[in-house]
Protein backbone atom coordinates (compact mmCIF):
# COMPACT_ATOMS: atom_id res chain seq x y z
CA MET A 1 32.72 -33.43 -14.87
CA PRO A 2 35.03 -31.98 -12.19
CA ILE A 3 35.72 -28.26 -12.37
CA VAL A 4 39.42 -27.48 -11.87
CA ALA A 5 40.72 -23.90 -11.87
CA PRO A 6 43.98 -23.25 -13.76
CA ASP A 7 47.06 -23.09 -11.54
CA LEU A 8 49.13 -19.99 -12.34
CA THR A 9 51.44 -20.05 -9.31
CA SER A 10 54.29 -21.71 -11.19
CA ILE A 11 54.55 -18.84 -13.67
CA ARG A 12 54.10 -15.94 -11.29
CA ALA A 13 56.32 -13.12 -12.57
CA GLN A 14 59.03 -11.52 -10.47
CA PRO A 15 59.86 -7.81 -10.76
CA ASP A 16 62.41 -7.11 -13.50
CA ALA A 17 62.67 -10.83 -14.34
CA PRO A 18 63.03 -11.69 -18.04
CA ILE A 19 60.10 -13.39 -19.77
CA THR A 20 61.17 -16.73 -21.19
CA ALA A 21 59.49 -18.45 -24.11
CA GLY A 22 58.51 -21.35 -21.88
CA ALA A 23 56.88 -19.09 -19.30
CA TRP A 24 55.06 -17.14 -22.01
CA ASN A 25 53.67 -20.29 -23.60
CA THR A 26 52.62 -21.62 -20.21
CA LEU A 27 50.87 -18.34 -19.38
CA ARG A 28 49.14 -18.31 -22.76
CA ALA A 29 47.95 -21.88 -22.24
CA ALA A 30 46.67 -21.01 -18.76
CA ILE A 31 44.72 -18.03 -20.14
CA LEU A 32 43.16 -20.21 -22.83
CA ASP A 33 42.29 -22.80 -20.17
CA ALA A 34 40.63 -20.04 -18.14
CA TYR A 35 38.50 -19.05 -21.15
CA ASP A 36 37.55 -22.69 -21.66
CA LEU A 37 36.66 -23.00 -17.99
CA ALA A 38 34.52 -19.86 -18.21
CA ASP A 39 32.61 -21.34 -21.14
CA VAL A 40 32.04 -24.55 -19.17
CA LEU A 41 30.82 -22.76 -16.03
CA ALA A 42 28.48 -20.52 -18.05
CA THR A 43 26.62 -23.61 -19.29
CA GLN A 44 27.02 -25.76 -16.16
CA PRO A 45 23.73 -26.56 -14.35
CA GLY A 46 23.69 -25.14 -10.83
CA TYR A 47 26.04 -22.24 -11.63
CA ILE A 48 25.26 -18.53 -11.69
CA THR A 49 27.17 -16.37 -14.16
CA VAL A 50 27.38 -12.74 -13.01
CA ILE A 51 28.09 -10.06 -15.61
CA VAL A 52 28.67 -6.43 -14.57
CA ARG A 53 28.21 -3.58 -17.07
CA GLU A 54 28.17 0.20 -16.94
CA ARG A 55 24.63 1.41 -17.53
CA ALA A 56 25.57 4.49 -19.56
CA SER A 57 27.85 2.74 -22.07
CA ASP A 58 26.78 -0.93 -21.73
CA ALA A 59 30.51 -1.77 -21.52
CA LEU A 60 31.77 -4.55 -19.27
CA LEU A 61 33.00 -3.06 -16.01
CA PRO A 62 36.68 -3.90 -15.45
CA ALA A 63 37.49 -6.05 -12.42
CA ALA A 64 39.65 -3.20 -11.06
CA GLN A 65 36.46 -1.18 -10.52
CA ILE A 66 34.70 -3.91 -8.56
CA ALA A 67 35.53 -4.26 -4.87
CA ARG A 68 33.44 -7.35 -4.06
CA VAL A 69 30.85 -9.73 -5.43
CA VAL A 70 28.97 -11.50 -2.66
CA ALA A 71 26.57 -14.42 -3.13
CA GLN A 72 24.23 -15.63 -0.40
CA PRO A 73 21.20 -17.90 -0.18
CA GLU A 74 18.19 -15.60 0.04
CA GLY A 75 17.33 -15.04 3.68
CA ALA A 76 20.71 -16.28 4.92
CA THR A 77 22.65 -13.03 5.15
CA ASN A 78 25.31 -14.55 7.40
CA SER A 79 26.31 -17.19 4.86
CA GLU A 80 28.56 -16.25 1.92
CA LEU A 81 29.14 -18.61 -1.01
CA PRO A 82 32.42 -18.88 -2.92
CA VAL A 83 32.61 -16.55 -5.93
CA ARG A 84 35.16 -17.17 -8.70
CA ARG A 85 36.27 -14.48 -11.14
CA LEU A 86 37.40 -15.42 -14.64
CA GLY A 87 38.14 -12.38 -16.78
CA ALA A 88 35.31 -9.87 -16.50
CA ARG A 89 32.75 -12.42 -15.28
CA TYR A 90 32.02 -14.00 -11.92
CA TYR A 91 30.77 -17.53 -11.23
CA VAL A 92 28.95 -18.95 -8.23
CA GLY A 93 28.39 -22.66 -7.75
CA PRO A 94 27.68 -25.46 -7.77
CA LEU A 95 24.38 -24.57 -6.10
CA ASP A 96 21.26 -26.41 -5.09
CA PRO A 97 18.01 -25.23 -6.70
CA GLY A 98 16.71 -22.15 -4.91
CA THR A 99 16.89 -18.38 -4.82
CA TYR A 100 20.17 -16.57 -4.24
CA GLN A 101 21.03 -12.96 -3.51
CA ILE A 102 23.95 -11.42 -5.39
CA THR A 103 25.51 -8.09 -4.34
CA VAL A 104 28.03 -6.22 -6.49
CA THR A 105 30.00 -3.52 -4.66
CA PRO A 106 32.12 -1.24 -6.88
CA VAL A 107 35.21 0.55 -5.59
CA ALA A 108 34.44 3.99 -4.16
CA GLU A 109 36.50 5.73 -6.85
CA SER A 110 34.22 4.38 -9.60
CA GLY A 111 31.36 6.65 -8.54
CA PHE A 112 28.87 3.80 -8.97
CA ALA A 113 26.35 2.62 -6.41
CA ALA A 114 26.31 -0.94 -5.06
CA GLN A 115 23.49 -3.12 -6.34
CA THR A 116 21.76 -6.27 -5.08
CA ARG A 117 19.69 -8.61 -7.23
CA VAL A 118 18.02 -11.97 -6.77
CA ALA A 119 18.94 -14.91 -9.02
CA PRO A 120 16.86 -18.10 -9.19
CA VAL A 121 18.65 -21.41 -9.77
CA LEU A 122 16.51 -24.10 -11.38
CA SER A 123 17.29 -27.79 -11.34
CA GLY A 124 19.42 -28.79 -14.33
CA GLN A 125 19.78 -25.25 -15.69
CA PRO A 126 22.49 -22.57 -15.56
CA THR A 127 21.59 -19.00 -14.58
CA GLU A 128 22.97 -15.74 -15.97
CA ILE A 129 22.37 -12.36 -14.36
CA THR A 130 23.62 -8.96 -15.58
CA PHE A 131 24.14 -5.94 -13.35
CA PHE A 132 24.03 -2.45 -14.83
CA LEU A 133 25.85 -0.12 -12.45
CA ALA A 134 25.32 3.63 -12.38
CA PRO A 135 25.98 6.56 -10.04
CA PRO A 136 23.59 6.69 -7.09
CA THR A 137 20.31 8.44 -7.84
CA PRO A 138 19.56 11.57 -5.83
CA GLY A 139 17.31 10.98 -2.87
CA GLN A 140 13.62 11.76 -3.15
CA VAL A 141 12.14 14.28 -0.73
CA VAL A 142 8.60 15.49 -0.16
CA VAL A 143 7.67 19.14 -0.73
CA PRO A 144 6.42 20.37 2.67
CA GLU A 145 3.05 22.04 3.19
CA LEU A 146 3.85 25.76 2.99
CA PHE A 147 0.40 27.31 2.44
CA GLY A 148 -0.40 30.10 4.84
CA ARG A 149 3.07 30.16 6.39
CA PRO A 150 5.16 33.32 6.40
CA LEU A 151 7.69 33.37 3.56
CA SER A 152 10.59 33.40 6.04
CA GLU A 153 9.26 30.22 7.68
CA ALA A 154 8.58 28.59 4.31
CA LEU A 155 12.17 29.25 3.19
CA ALA A 156 13.48 27.68 6.40
CA GLN A 157 11.30 24.61 5.83
CA LEU A 158 12.54 24.24 2.26
CA ALA A 159 16.16 24.35 3.44
CA ALA A 160 15.42 21.78 6.15
CA ALA A 161 13.94 19.45 3.51
CA GLY A 162 17.00 19.76 1.27
CA LEU A 163 15.18 21.95 -1.26
CA ARG A 164 15.77 25.49 -2.47
CA PRO A 165 13.48 28.33 -3.55
CA GLY A 166 13.06 28.82 -7.28
CA ARG A 167 11.15 31.78 -8.60
CA VAL A 168 9.30 33.72 -5.89
CA LEU A 169 6.49 36.06 -6.92
CA ASP A 170 3.85 38.05 -5.12
CA SER A 171 0.23 37.92 -6.22
CA HIS A 172 0.73 41.06 -8.37
CA GLY A 173 3.35 39.20 -10.42
CA ARG A 174 6.31 41.07 -8.93
CA THR A 175 9.53 39.17 -8.32
CA VAL A 176 10.53 38.77 -4.70
CA THR A 177 14.26 38.81 -3.98
CA VAL A 178 15.54 35.81 -2.04
CA THR A 179 19.18 35.46 -1.04
CA ASP A 180 21.21 32.43 -0.01
CA SER A 181 22.56 33.12 3.45
CA GLY A 182 25.39 30.66 2.77
CA PRO A 183 26.68 27.62 4.66
CA LEU A 184 27.21 29.61 7.87
CA GLY A 185 23.77 31.18 7.71
CA GLY A 186 22.16 27.84 6.96
CA GLY A 187 19.30 28.81 4.68
CA PHE A 188 17.57 31.37 2.47
CA LEU A 189 16.36 34.86 3.37
CA ALA A 190 13.85 37.38 2.04
CA PRO A 191 15.63 40.67 2.79
CA ASP A 192 12.44 42.75 2.78
CA PRO A 193 10.82 42.30 6.24
CA VAL A 194 7.33 42.91 4.88
CA GLN A 195 7.76 40.26 2.17
CA ALA A 196 9.36 37.89 4.69
CA ALA A 197 6.18 38.10 6.77
CA ALA A 198 3.83 37.64 3.78
CA SER A 199 1.87 34.37 3.62
CA VAL A 200 2.61 31.73 1.03
CA LEU A 201 -0.39 31.21 -1.26
CA ALA A 202 0.91 28.34 -3.40
CA SER A 203 3.99 26.31 -4.28
CA ALA A 204 5.00 24.44 -7.42
CA PRO A 205 5.46 21.52 -7.20
CA GLY A 206 2.65 21.35 -4.69
CA ALA A 207 2.80 20.04 -1.15
CA GLY A 208 3.29 16.28 -0.93
CA SER A 209 4.99 15.99 -4.32
CA GLU A 210 8.14 13.83 -4.34
CA VAL A 211 11.10 15.55 -6.01
CA GLU A 212 14.86 15.05 -6.11
CA ALA A 213 16.86 16.49 -3.24
CA GLY A 214 18.17 19.94 -4.14
CA SER A 215 15.27 20.71 -6.49
CA ALA A 216 13.84 24.22 -6.72
CA VAL A 217 10.32 25.03 -5.52
CA ASN A 218 8.53 28.09 -6.92
CA LEU A 219 6.53 30.14 -4.44
CA LEU A 220 3.63 32.59 -4.71
CA ILE A 221 3.09 34.92 -1.76
CA ALA A 222 0.45 37.49 -0.84
CA ALA A 223 1.14 40.98 -2.14
CA GLN A 224 1.91 43.73 0.31
CA ARG A 225 -1.22 45.62 1.12
CA VAL A 226 -0.99 49.35 0.96
CA VAL A 227 -3.36 50.97 3.42
CA PRO A 228 -4.35 54.46 2.26
CA THR A 229 -3.64 57.27 4.68
CA ILE A 230 -6.82 59.00 5.88
CA GLU A 231 -6.31 62.69 6.36
CA THR A 232 -8.17 64.36 9.16
């Protein structure tokens, strides 16, 4: 059966224009036709139905929060297929059997990250795919190898990796003061010169661990050695 989209141009409202009964009934009929068309496309072989929800609440994401929905044959990134929106759903088709790549890009103000998924289209069957959008996840960074490095150098390496020092102790269990030198200083400092020169014995999480950017890393450093004075 041919798929014909409802024509709403004849009832397009003008600013401050009165709403007549005839226009209202025509608009209502067009909306009902759109719902009927959506039901047809959702069950039409060769069509992909795209549903976009918010991951946290599972609610349908309003169209106003979606900038673009792009459909492409997998591997053909220069070819975009027509995408039709009806209400809160999007429809792509008719399509030949194959694999298609769907990308949903939310508006920047939504705070959600764009998402791309692959949708297979089988002969004689409709396809439905649901996107669950969420804010972008923090990047993962690797805890650098800090063992044996002076504390001052270890703090600089943490800052360069997008990490920050957590609790810093010496091997006698004493807390080592570390200050944030601020955006202009560009890192963290151990004010005590002797402690700043002390070697790092261990870090937690350990070197090579993947953690979220901005995470804290606890450090253990060698205790200051007190050399007794020999009287002559």
